[in-house]
Protein backbone atom coordinates (compact mmCIF):
# COMPACT_ATOMS: atom_id res chain seq x y z
CA UNK A 1 120.79 24.91 18.26
CA UNK A 2 119.34 23.01 21.18
CA UNK A 3 118.37 26.45 22.94
CA UNK A 4 116.46 27.19 19.67
CA UNK A 5 114.68 23.73 20.18
CA UNK A 6 113.78 24.51 23.68
CA UNK A 7 112.08 27.39 22.90
CA UNK A 8 110.08 26.17 20.00
CA UNK A 9 108.65 23.89 22.41
CA UNK A 10 107.58 26.33 24.86
CA UNK A 11 105.80 28.41 22.14
CA UNK A 12 103.83 25.58 21.19
CA UNK A 13 102.62 24.51 24.62
CA UNK A 14 101.65 27.94 25.46
CA UNK A 15 99.65 28.10 22.45
CA UNK A 16 97.71 24.72 23.32
CA UNK A 17 97.17 26.05 26.85
CA UNK A 18 95.02 29.25 25.41
CA UNK A 19 93.10 26.83 23.20
CA UNK A 20 91.95 24.81 26.31
CA UNK A 21 90.98 27.77 28.25
CA UNK A 22 88.85 28.83 25.21
CA UNK A 23 86.69 25.82 25.24
CA UNK A 24 86.26 25.07 28.76
CA UNK A 25 85.83 28.74 29.75
CA UNK A 26 81.71 28.80 28.45
CA UNK A 27 78.74 26.50 28.65
CA UNK A 28 74.95 26.45 27.47
CA UNK A 29 73.83 27.54 31.07
CA UNK A 30 76.65 30.14 31.52
CA UNK A 31 75.67 33.71 31.41
CA UNK A 32 77.88 36.51 29.43
CA UNK A 33 80.15 36.96 32.46
CA UNK A 34 80.72 32.93 32.32
CA UNK A 35 78.41 31.72 35.13
CA UNK A 36 75.44 29.73 35.25
CA UNK A 37 72.00 31.15 33.50
CA UNK A 38 69.34 31.54 36.18
CA UNK A 39 65.89 30.02 35.63
CA UNK A 40 63.31 32.93 35.16
CA UNK A 41 59.64 32.17 36.35
CA UNK A 42 56.45 33.21 35.37
CA UNK A 43 54.07 35.18 37.31
CA UNK A 44 51.64 33.02 39.53
CA UNK A 45 48.37 32.76 37.65
CA UNK A 46 44.92 31.29 38.79
CA UNK A 47 42.44 29.74 36.74
CA UNK A 48 39.24 27.88 36.98
CA UNK A 49 37.94 24.34 35.95
CA UNK A 50 34.79 22.23 36.30
CA UNK A 51 35.00 18.75 37.28
CA UNK A 52 35.09 16.28 33.82
CA UNK A 53 36.49 19.42 32.08
CA UNK A 54 39.65 20.42 30.09
CA UNK A 55 41.87 23.73 29.96
CA UNK A 56 45.11 24.95 29.27
CA UNK A 57 47.86 26.68 30.94
CA UNK A 58 50.65 28.44 28.95
CA UNK A 59 54.38 29.57 30.36
CA UNK A 60 57.54 30.31 28.91
CA UNK A 61 61.03 28.65 30.34
CA UNK A 62 64.28 29.95 29.96
CA UNK A 63 65.71 26.30 30.82
CA UNK A 64 65.05 22.75 30.38
CA UNK A 65 62.12 22.49 32.45
CA UNK A 66 59.73 19.99 34.42
CA UNK A 67 56.05 20.96 35.93
CA UNK A 68 54.39 18.55 38.25
CA UNK A 69 50.74 18.72 39.85
CA UNK A 70 50.13 18.18 43.59
CA UNK A 71 46.30 16.99 43.17
CA UNK A 72 45.24 13.44 41.74
CA UNK A 73 42.31 15.02 40.23
CA UNK A 74 44.50 17.57 38.07
CA UNK A 75 46.60 16.12 35.34
CA UNK A 76 48.47 17.08 32.10
CA UNK A 77 47.10 15.33 29.00
CA UNK A 78 50.36 13.94 26.92
CA UNK A 79 48.73 12.28 23.93
CA UNK A 80 46.52 9.43 24.72
CA UNK A 81 47.71 9.35 28.44
CA UNK A 82 47.27 11.70 31.57
CA UNK A 83 50.18 12.03 34.13
CA UNK A 84 50.94 14.04 36.97
CA UNK A 85 54.77 15.22 35.93
CA UNK A 86 55.68 16.44 32.50
CA UNK A 87 58.91 17.91 31.06
CA UNK A 88 60.38 19.50 28.01
CA UNK A 89 62.76 21.98 26.28
CA UNK A 90 63.10 25.88 27.00
CA UNK A 91 60.67 27.79 24.94
CA UNK A 92 57.14 29.13 25.09
CA UNK A 93 54.89 26.05 26.39
CA UNK A 94 50.96 25.24 26.26
CA UNK A 95 49.74 22.27 28.20
CA UNK A 96 46.14 20.91 28.18
CA UNK A 97 45.02 19.97 31.51
CA UNK A 98 42.41 17.28 32.78
CA UNK A 99 40.24 18.08 35.69
CA UNK A 100 38.31 15.08 37.08
CA UNK A 101 35.32 14.52 39.74
CA UNK A 102 37.51 12.56 41.97
CA UNK A 103 37.09 13.67 45.52
CA UNK A 104 34.77 16.18 44.84
CA UNK A 105 32.37 17.30 47.53
CA UNK A 106 29.53 19.78 48.16
CA UNK A 107 31.25 21.73 51.04
CA UNK A 108 35.04 22.94 49.93
CA UNK A 109 36.46 24.14 46.73
CA UNK A 110 39.71 22.42 45.82
CA UNK A 111 42.85 23.88 44.85
CA UNK A 112 45.84 22.25 42.82
CA UNK A 113 49.26 23.60 42.40
CA UNK A 114 50.99 23.40 39.48
CA UNK A 115 54.94 23.59 40.38
CA UNK A 116 57.53 24.58 37.63
CA UNK A 117 61.06 23.09 37.91
CA UNK A 118 64.24 24.58 36.30
CA UNK A 119 67.57 23.81 37.06
CA UNK A 120 67.56 23.30 41.06
CA UNK A 121 64.91 25.70 41.62
CA UNK A 122 61.24 25.44 41.24
CA UNK A 123 58.08 27.62 41.67
CA UNK A 124 54.03 27.32 41.98
CA UNK A 125 52.99 29.22 38.72
CA UNK A 126 49.56 28.10 38.45
CA UNK A 127 46.47 27.37 40.70
CA UNK A 128 43.83 25.45 39.43
CA UNK A 129 40.37 25.93 41.31
CA UNK A 130 37.79 23.31 41.20
CA UNK A 131 34.74 24.39 42.33
CA UNK A 132 32.67 22.26 45.09
CA UNK A 133 29.82 20.07 43.88
CA UNK A 134 26.57 22.36 43.43
CA UNK A 135 23.25 20.81 43.99
CA UNK A 136 20.53 20.67 41.42
CA UNK A 137 16.92 20.02 41.80
CA UNK A 138 15.66 16.01 41.15
CA UNK A 139 13.45 16.79 38.04
CA UNK A 140 11.06 13.73 36.51
CA UNK A 141 10.05 14.18 33.03
CA UNK A 142 8.60 12.39 30.38
CA UNK A 143 10.29 11.51 26.73
CA UNK A 144 8.59 14.96 25.70
CA UNK A 145 10.21 16.76 28.85
CA UNK A 146 6.71 17.22 30.46
CA UNK A 147 7.49 17.59 34.49
CA UNK A 148 5.85 15.39 36.97
CA UNK A 149 5.35 16.11 40.20
CA UNK A 150 2.91 16.25 43.13
CA UNK A 151 0.77 18.76 41.28
CA UNK A 152 1.08 16.98 37.79
CA UNK A 153 -0.07 13.36 38.13
CA UNK A 154 1.46 10.95 36.08
CA UNK A 155 -1.13 8.76 33.98
CA UNK A 156 0.14 4.91 33.26
CA UNK A 157 -0.61 4.04 29.84
CA UNK A 158 -3.29 1.08 29.32
CA UNK A 159 -2.06 -1.96 28.62
CA UNK A 160 -3.09 -4.31 25.46
CA UNK A 161 -3.94 -7.74 26.18
CA UNK A 162 -1.34 -9.82 25.45
CA UNK A 163 1.55 -7.03 25.31
CA UNK A 164 2.47 -4.64 27.85
CA UNK A 165 2.54 -0.85 27.26
CA UNK A 166 5.03 1.32 28.85
CA UNK A 167 5.25 4.75 30.18
CA UNK A 168 8.76 6.37 30.36
CA UNK A 169 10.20 8.61 32.80
CA UNK A 170 13.63 10.06 33.16
CA UNK A 171 15.00 11.35 36.68
CA UNK A 172 17.73 13.73 36.63
CA UNK A 173 19.69 15.53 39.29
CA UNK A 174 23.36 16.65 39.67
CA UNK A 175 25.91 14.45 37.70
CA UNK A 176 26.92 11.52 39.45
CA UNK A 177 23.89 11.29 42.07
CA UNK A 178 22.30 7.93 42.57
CA UNK A 179 18.44 8.24 42.22
CA UNK A 180 15.80 5.67 43.36
CA UNK A 181 12.20 5.05 43.67
CA UNK A 182 9.55 3.36 45.23
CA UNK A 183 6.30 2.53 43.70
CA UNK A 184 2.87 0.78 44.48
CA UNK A 185 2.46 -3.03 44.07
CA UNK A 186 0.13 -2.59 40.96
CA UNK A 187 2.70 -1.20 39.00
CA UNK A 188 6.12 -2.97 37.71
CA UNK A 189 8.98 -1.38 35.96
CA UNK A 190 12.07 -2.19 33.72
CA UNK A 191 15.17 0.00 33.07
CA UNK A 192 15.83 0.71 29.47
CA UNK A 193 19.43 0.30 29.16
CA UNK A 194 20.03 2.10 26.25
CA UNK A 195 18.14 5.41 27.22
CA UNK A 196 18.26 4.71 30.92
CA UNK A 197 14.60 5.74 31.31
CA UNK A 198 12.59 4.05 33.81
CA UNK A 199 9.47 2.19 32.08
CA UNK A 200 6.47 1.34 33.94
CA UNK A 201 3.07 -0.73 33.09
CA UNK A 202 0.49 -2.16 35.13
CA UNK A 203 1.18 -5.41 37.02
CA UNK A 204 -1.14 -8.04 36.13
CA UNK A 205 0.21 -10.35 38.97
CA UNK A 206 -0.31 -7.65 41.54
CA UNK A 207 -1.60 -9.09 44.95
CA UNK A 208 -4.04 -6.39 45.60
CA UNK A 209 -6.50 -8.21 43.21
CA UNK A 210 -6.79 -5.15 40.71
CA UNK A 211 -7.75 -6.13 37.43
CA UNK A 212 -6.31 -4.75 34.00
CA UNK A 213 -9.44 -3.72 32.77
CA UNK A 214 -10.62 -1.13 35.20
CA UNK A 215 -9.06 2.32 35.56
CA UNK A 216 -7.32 3.31 38.73
CA UNK A 217 -8.36 6.97 39.93
CA UNK A 218 -5.94 9.46 41.51
CA UNK A 219 -5.48 8.81 45.31
CA UNK A 220 -4.76 5.03 44.91
CA UNK A 221 -1.03 5.00 44.45
CA UNK A 222 2.02 7.05 44.36
CA UNK A 223 5.47 6.75 42.70
CA UNK A 224 8.05 8.36 45.03
CA UNK A 225 11.80 9.31 43.53
CA UNK A 226 14.41 10.03 45.88
CA UNK A 227 18.24 11.28 45.70
CA UNK A 228 20.61 8.93 47.63
CA UNK A 229 21.36 11.88 50.09
CA UNK A 230 17.60 13.06 50.27
CA UNK A 231 17.64 12.62 53.94
CA UNK A 232 21.08 14.01 55.02
CA UNK A 233 21.56 16.80 52.09
CA UNK A 234 21.84 20.43 53.60
CA UNK A 235 20.10 22.23 50.64
CA UNK A 236 17.26 23.67 49.70
CA UNK A 237 17.24 21.87 46.39
CA UNK A 238 14.63 19.35 45.78
CA UNK A 239 15.68 16.09 46.59
CA UNK A 240 12.44 14.02 46.92
CA UNK A 241 9.35 14.19 44.28
CA UNK A 242 5.86 12.46 44.91
CA UNK A 243 4.01 11.76 41.97
CA UNK A 244 0.20 10.70 42.08
CA UNK A 245 -0.79 8.31 39.46
CA UNK A 246 -3.86 7.56 37.35
CA UNK A 247 -4.04 4.50 35.36
CA UNK A 248 -6.16 4.27 32.03
CA UNK A 249 -7.38 0.45 32.11
CA UNK A 250 -6.75 -1.65 29.52
CA UNK A 251 -6.51 0.05 26.02
CA UNK A 252 -9.94 1.33 25.00
CA UNK A 253 -9.63 -0.52 21.74
CA UNK A 254 -8.62 -3.60 23.10
CA UNK A 255 -10.33 -6.86 23.26
CA UNK A 256 -9.51 -9.92 24.97
CA UNK A 257 -11.92 -13.50 24.35
CA UNK A 258 -10.96 -17.06 26.70
CA UNK A 259 -11.62 -19.14 25.35
CA UNK A 260 -12.38 -18.84 21.58
CA UNK A 261 -14.63 -21.35 20.09
CA UNK A 262 -13.57 -22.42 16.54
CA UNK A 263 -14.89 -24.39 14.09
CA UNK A 264 -17.70 -25.59 16.65
CA UNK A 265 -20.34 -28.38 15.36
CA UNK A 266 -24.03 -28.19 16.64
CA UNK A 267 -26.48 -30.76 16.49
CA UNK A 268 -29.89 -30.25 15.10
CA UNK A 269 -31.54 -30.09 18.71
CA UNK A 270 -29.21 -27.66 19.25
CA UNK A 271 -28.20 -29.33 22.60
CA UNK A 272 -25.11 -31.02 21.80
CA UNK A 273 -22.47 -28.06 20.90
CA UNK A 274 -19.00 -29.85 20.25
CA UNK A 275 -15.96 -27.58 20.64
CA UNK A 276 -12.81 -29.47 20.48
CA UNK A 277 -13.26 -32.56 22.50
CA UNK A 278 -16.05 -30.96 24.63
CA UNK A 279 -19.58 -31.30 24.21
CA UNK A 280 -22.05 -29.25 26.20
CA UNK A 281 -25.30 -27.48 25.72
CA UNK A 282 -23.58 -23.91 25.67
CA UNK A 283 -20.45 -22.07 25.13
CA UNK A 284 -19.36 -19.52 27.65
CA UNK A 285 -16.30 -17.02 27.14
CA UNK A 286 -14.82 -14.19 29.42
CA UNK A 287 -14.15 -11.04 27.93
CA UNK A 288 -11.27 -8.71 28.52
CA UNK A 289 -12.58 -4.89 27.58
CA UNK A 290 -12.17 -1.53 29.53
CA UNK A 291 -14.67 -1.13 32.17
CA UNK A 292 -16.45 -4.10 30.70
CA UNK A 293 -18.07 -2.07 27.75
CA UNK A 294 -18.35 -4.50 25.17
CA UNK A 295 -20.92 -5.40 22.18
CA UNK A 296 -21.76 -8.67 20.12
CA UNK A 297 -22.24 -9.19 16.72
CA UNK A 298 -23.87 -12.18 15.11
CA UNK A 299 -24.06 -12.63 11.53
CA UNK A 300 -24.57 -15.63 9.13
CA UNK A 301 -22.10 -17.33 7.06
CA UNK A 302 -22.43 -19.22 3.87
CA UNK A 303 -19.91 -21.22 1.64
CA UNK A 304 -20.17 -20.87 -2.05
CA UNK A 305 -18.88 -23.96 -3.25
CA UNK A 306 -19.40 -22.70 -6.92
CA UNK A 307 -16.98 -19.67 -6.51
CA UNK A 308 -15.01 -21.34 -3.73
CA UNK A 309 -15.59 -18.08 -1.37
CA UNK A 310 -17.58 -17.34 1.95
CA UNK A 311 -20.41 -14.61 1.93
CA UNK A 312 -21.65 -12.73 4.78
CA UNK A 313 -25.13 -11.88 5.86
CA UNK A 314 -25.36 -8.77 7.96
CA UNK A 315 -29.17 -8.20 6.97
CA UNK A 316 -30.43 -9.18 10.67
CA UNK A 317 -27.99 -6.18 11.96
CA UNK A 318 -25.66 -8.11 13.76
CA UNK A 319 -28.19 -10.28 15.68
CA UNK A 320 -28.93 -13.96 14.41
CA UNK A 321 -32.53 -15.08 15.64
CA UNK A 322 -31.29 -19.00 16.17
CA UNK A 323 -28.24 -17.77 18.14
CA UNK A 324 -28.38 -16.34 21.41
CA UNK A 325 -25.36 -14.66 23.13
CA UNK A 326 -26.30 -13.60 26.64
CA UNK A 327 -23.75 -10.85 28.84
CA UNK A 328 -24.12 -11.72 32.54
CA UNK A 329 -24.54 -9.66 35.28
CA UNK A 330 -23.11 -8.61 38.94
CA UNK A 331 -19.98 -10.67 39.00
CA UNK A 332 -20.39 -12.51 35.52
CA UNK A 333 -20.73 -8.92 33.40
CA UNK A 334 -17.61 -10.28 31.92
CA UNK A 335 -18.77 -13.20 30.28
CA UNK A 336 -20.91 -14.15 27.45
CA UNK A 337 -23.00 -17.17 27.16
CA UNK A 338 -23.86 -18.79 23.69
CA UNK A 339 -26.71 -21.32 23.15
CA UNK A 340 -28.10 -22.49 19.94
CA UNK A 341 -31.81 -23.29 18.96
CA UNK A 342 -32.96 -26.24 17.06
CA UNK A 343 -32.61 -26.70 13.63
CA UNK A 344 -35.92 -27.03 11.90
CA UNK A 345 -34.90 -26.29 8.63
CA UNK A 346 -33.53 -28.49 5.64
CA UNK A 347 -30.13 -27.32 5.39
CA UNK A 348 -27.35 -26.76 7.56
CA UNK A 349 -26.68 -23.26 8.73
CA UNK A 350 -23.55 -21.22 10.05
CA UNK A 351 -22.73 -18.38 11.97
CA UNK A 352 -20.02 -16.05 13.37
CA UNK A 353 -20.20 -14.65 16.93
CA UNK A 354 -17.70 -11.80 17.24
CA UNK A 355 -17.09 -9.00 20.15
CA UNK A 356 -15.91 -5.69 19.86
CA UNK A 357 -14.94 -2.80 22.32
CA UNK A 358 -17.59 -0.55 22.85
CA UNK A 359 -15.62 2.42 21.09
CA UNK A 360 -14.80 0.28 18.23
CA UNK A 361 -18.54 -0.68 17.86
CA UNK A 362 -19.49 2.88 18.03
CA UNK A 363 -17.24 3.49 14.84
CA UNK A 364 -18.55 0.50 12.81
CA UNK A 365 -22.14 0.15 13.56
CA UNK A 366 -23.53 2.40 11.05
CA UNK A 367 -22.06 -0.27 8.10
CA UNK A 368 -21.15 -3.52 9.78
CA UNK A 369 -20.59 -5.40 6.40
CA UNK A 370 -18.68 -2.46 4.87
CA UNK A 371 -16.60 -1.89 8.13
CA UNK A 372 -15.80 -5.64 8.97
CA UNK A 373 -15.44 -6.88 5.68
CA UNK A 374 -12.60 -6.64 2.75
CA UNK A 375 -12.34 -8.35 -0.34
CA UNK A 376 -15.31 -10.58 0.68
CA UNK A 377 -13.62 -11.60 4.01
CA UNK A 378 -13.14 -10.69 7.67
CA UNK A 379 -10.61 -8.20 8.06
CA UNK A 380 -7.54 -9.48 9.57
CA UNK A 381 -7.40 -6.92 12.31
CA UNK A 382 -10.65 -8.20 13.49
CA UNK A 383 -9.45 -11.86 13.78
CA UNK A 384 -9.05 -11.40 17.54
CA UNK A 385 -12.65 -10.34 17.91
CA UNK A 386 -14.06 -13.80 16.67
CA UNK A 387 -15.59 -15.48 19.70
CA UNK A 388 -16.82 -18.36 17.62
CA UNK A 389 -17.56 -19.84 14.39
CA UNK A 390 -20.33 -22.60 14.24
CA UNK A 391 -22.15 -25.08 11.95
CA UNK A 392 -25.60 -26.35 12.92
CA UNK A 393 -25.86 -29.49 11.52
CA UNK A 394 -29.64 -30.34 9.40
CA UNK A 395 -31.65 -32.86 10.81
CA UNK A 396 -30.67 -36.19 9.38
CA UNK A 397 -32.76 -38.54 7.30
CA UNK A 398 -31.85 -42.05 7.29
CA UNK A 399 -30.68 -42.91 3.79
CA UNK A 400 -32.21 -46.53 2.16
CA UNK A 401 -28.87 -48.03 3.03
CA UNK A 402 -26.59 -47.09 5.87
CA UNK A 403 -22.82 -47.97 4.85
CA UNK A 404 -19.54 -47.20 6.42
CA UNK A 405 -16.47 -45.50 5.88
CA UNK A 406 -12.95 -45.23 7.71
CA UNK A 407 -10.69 -42.52 6.20
CA UNK A 408 -9.31 -40.90 9.43
CA UNK A 409 -7.19 -41.94 12.35
CA UNK A 410 -7.42 -39.80 15.92
CA UNK A 411 -4.11 -39.23 17.94
CA UNK A 412 -4.86 -37.71 21.22
CA UNK A 413 -3.47 -34.29 21.15
CA UNK A 414 -3.21 -34.08 17.40
CA UNK A 415 -6.66 -34.55 16.42
CA UNK A 416 -7.85 -36.34 13.15
CA UNK A 417 -5.51 -37.26 10.49
CA UNK A 418 -6.43 -38.25 6.96
CA UNK A 419 -4.98 -41.60 6.72
CA UNK A 420 -5.60 -41.79 2.72
CA UNK A 421 -3.75 -38.74 2.01
CA UNK A 422 -1.21 -39.02 4.76
CA UNK A 423 -0.59 -42.52 4.77
CA UNK A 424 -1.16 -43.33 1.18
CA UNK A 425 -3.69 -46.13 1.98
CA UNK A 426 -7.12 -46.50 2.60
CA UNK A 427 -9.71 -49.20 4.25
CA UNK A 428 -11.61 -50.86 1.83
CA UNK A 429 -15.47 -51.33 2.71
CA UNK A 430 -17.38 -54.19 0.83
CA UNK A 431 -20.98 -54.82 1.02
CA UNK A 432 -22.32 -58.27 1.85
CA UNK A 433 -25.86 -57.94 1.04
CA UNK A 434 -25.66 -60.96 -1.42
CA UNK A 435 -23.26 -62.90 0.56
CA UNK A 436 -23.98 -66.33 1.57
CA UNK A 437 -26.09 -66.56 5.18
CA UNK A 438 -25.99 -63.02 5.63
CA UNK A 439 -29.23 -63.14 6.97
CA UNK A 440 -28.02 -64.93 9.99
CA UNK A 441 -26.63 -61.51 10.87
CA UNK A 442 -30.34 -60.44 11.75
CA UNK A 443 -30.00 -56.96 10.24
CA UNK A 444 -32.80 -55.17 8.55
CA UNK A 445 -32.39 -55.27 4.62
CA UNK A 446 -29.27 -57.38 5.01
CA UNK A 447 -27.47 -54.09 5.55
CA UNK A 448 -24.09 -55.91 6.42
CA UNK A 449 -20.57 -54.64 5.53
CA UNK A 450 -17.07 -55.75 5.76
CA UNK A 451 -14.08 -53.02 6.41
CA UNK A 452 -10.98 -54.55 5.29
CA UNK A 453 -7.95 -52.60 6.76
CA UNK A 454 -4.41 -52.58 5.55
CA UNK A 455 -2.11 -54.52 7.61
CA UNK A 456 0.56 -51.72 7.45
CA UNK A 457 -2.24 -49.30 8.50
CA UNK A 458 -3.21 -51.80 11.35
CA UNK A 459 0.55 -51.82 12.49
CA UNK A 460 0.84 -48.39 12.16
CA UNK A 461 -2.03 -47.01 14.38
CA UNK A 462 -0.93 -49.38 17.14
CA UNK A 463 2.67 -48.36 17.16
CA UNK A 464 1.65 -44.70 17.15
CA UNK A 465 -1.08 -45.44 19.85
CA UNK A 466 -3.96 -43.97 17.30
CA UNK A 467 -7.20 -45.18 17.05
CA UNK A 468 -9.24 -45.85 13.67
CA UNK A 469 -12.17 -43.93 13.34
CA UNK A 470 -15.12 -45.78 11.38
CA UNK A 471 -18.04 -43.57 10.87
CA UNK A 472 -21.50 -44.61 9.62
CA UNK A 473 -22.79 -42.95 6.51
CA UNK A 474 -26.60 -42.13 5.65
CA UNK A 475 -27.43 -42.47 9.60
CA UNK A 476 -30.28 -40.35 10.91
CA UNK A 477 -30.21 -37.75 13.55
CA UNK A 478 -30.10 -39.51 16.71
CA UNK A 479 -28.41 -42.77 15.48
CA UNK A 480 -24.90 -43.76 16.22
CA UNK A 481 -22.08 -46.35 15.80
CA UNK A 482 -20.89 -48.59 18.38
CA UNK A 483 -19.38 -52.15 18.94
CA UNK A 484 -21.77 -55.24 18.68
CA UNK A 485 -19.84 -56.75 21.71
CA UNK A 486 -16.45 -56.42 23.39
CA UNK A 487 -13.24 -58.87 22.50
CA UNK A 488 -10.06 -59.35 24.25
CA UNK A 489 -7.62 -58.35 21.82
CA UNK A 490 -9.78 -55.10 20.41
CA UNK A 491 -10.34 -52.00 22.25
CA UNK A 492 -13.26 -49.45 21.15
CA UNK A 493 -14.26 -45.97 21.97
CA UNK A 494 -16.35 -43.10 20.72
CA UNK A 495 -14.45 -40.71 18.69
CA UNK A 496 -15.20 -37.17 18.09
CA UNK A 497 -12.90 -34.75 16.46
CA UNK A 498 -12.66 -31.92 13.61
CA UNK A 499 -11.49 -32.72 9.83
CA UNK A 500 -11.93 -31.10 6.51
CA UNK A 501 -13.90 -32.09 3.67
CA UNK A 502 -12.60 -31.73 -0.24
CA UNK A 503 -13.52 -27.81 -0.04
CA UNK A 504 -11.26 -27.39 3.11
CA UNK A 505 -14.55 -26.76 4.72
CA UNK A 506 -14.36 -28.09 8.61
CA UNK A 507 -16.18 -30.97 9.29
CA UNK A 508 -17.04 -32.98 12.53
CA UNK A 509 -16.09 -36.43 12.48
CA UNK A 510 -18.21 -38.42 15.04
CA UNK A 511 -17.89 -42.61 14.69
CA UNK A 512 -16.17 -45.48 16.73
CA UNK A 513 -12.31 -45.80 17.53
CA UNK A 514 -10.76 -49.18 17.01
CA UNK A 515 -7.24 -49.98 18.63
CA UNK A 516 -5.64 -53.33 18.15
CA UNK A 517 -3.52 -54.67 20.78
CA UNK A 518 -1.64 -56.60 18.43
CA UNK A 519 -2.71 -56.70 14.57
CA UNK A 520 -0.93 -59.90 13.53
CA UNK A 521 -2.84 -62.05 16.44
CA UNK A 522 -6.25 -60.20 15.78
CA UNK A 523 -8.74 -63.01 15.41
CA UNK A 524 -10.93 -61.29 12.86
CA UNK A 525 -14.28 -61.08 14.36
CA UNK A 526 -14.86 -57.78 15.68
CA UNK A 527 -18.14 -56.12 14.75
CA UNK A 528 -19.36 -52.55 14.81
CA UNK A 529 -23.24 -51.78 14.36
CA UNK A 530 -25.31 -48.59 13.82
CA UNK A 531 -28.08 -48.37 16.30
CA UNK A 532 -31.34 -46.68 16.22
CA UNK A 533 -32.97 -44.80 18.86
CA UNK A 534 -34.93 -47.51 19.49
CA UNK A 535 -32.03 -49.91 20.08
CA UNK A 536 -32.83 -51.94 16.80
CA UNK A 537 -29.76 -52.82 14.59
CA UNK A 538 -29.93 -50.78 11.26
CA UNK A 539 -26.23 -51.86 10.01
CA UNK A 540 -23.63 -54.32 10.66
CA UNK A 541 -19.64 -53.81 9.64
CA UNK A 542 -17.22 -57.09 10.09
CA UNK A 543 -13.87 -55.66 10.86
CA UNK A 544 -10.86 -57.47 9.39
CA UNK A 545 -7.31 -56.96 8.79
CA UNK A 546 -5.77 -57.82 5.38
CA UNK A 547 -3.14 -60.67 5.28
CA UNK A 548 -0.71 -58.39 3.31
């Protein structure tokens, strides 16, 4: 029995050994003969790929593999990243390769070797050639692709009066090449960040004394573009472009008038022309027009209060006989001097003076009213052509009694302010003709008045450094308001400014301005008088501040 048991154990052990030999004698990398599988490398291939381009390589590996690139400019694309080493399982493979421009030069082609490793062996399976940089001609074009060079001058567009007009150029050579330029001082530029184009315009601040108005002929400036390697590159390609320049001058339809004179009041004698705070016998404006070619148009303006609208009379063909607009000569050929003749009629009169570039005047001259007006008013596009709007007062005849009015306050810098509508308070004027002892003032016809100023208004004027304007109403031409005598706590001065009447017509306010140092301590004895040309006192106004 023991002998049989030993035999059984030997048989079992022998069977187990057979199974062990069966499992350990074969692996994945072994061949049919039991040895390791040898890597099989594909044949060497060569391909070309340009800088900043991609290509694909394909190969089959019979084992797990790893590939690598020996050039930093040649990498494998793996999803969203690029890398120099990549690996995978056995089988057919297609891999995308990205070639950059790093280190590329104009002298030599570059070769990247792609090495495949399987097991302990490796072999170059691809050579990828990146060609050297190629020079390209430097080419300068406009937005439409028109080429500019020594044979094709560039015309710089004419500027507008207030807005620069740009002429755009594109400079192109091979990718990555820096391009610069030099320009004459009368030309300025900016670079459009969105399009990369160079934008040029006339430099109004040039130190050569060139005026925006006048064209510049070819031969007075060159714009030079050049590549960064223009002096060193060994190539027959164009590296420098010189472009002759022409400037059109200010736009042919543009006009500039400086200053303009709006809402001008002209006294009947024509010698006192009041524009803003300035009084003179003439108005002068400087005109900006191409080659100083411009034309003056004058026409009469009338306000129809019944219809609440203006009418314009062009029957004199753009030449009002009582307005003289004279163009200067020589160095003053860009200036217009305006004067006004005396008004001998019984009515005030108004006129508008406009200035047009020659090219515009030539288009509208056959029908001035039809071309300048629309719906009974001057077209908006021609507002910038207005040099002056003026009203000449008629010769005033003295009224039977001269009275006074104070409805405006004057604030320097802000002009006239209507105290009744803006401050909800007014100055009350009382007639003292029948008062006791009025004859003691020694004024013709006892033409004596009292102006009672609300206390709040006097304090507002003082705190805001405003002067209260008192006018004489019913004065004849040549008569004026002034103080009877000065006192210590009140200051006075002649005040002239512009306001508006109930029809929103511009009117000139001329009177005497009053300023109180301290309304609370005012003594109440300040007086204004109307004087005639002979110095006689024609009316008197006592200034009083109401208690409340």
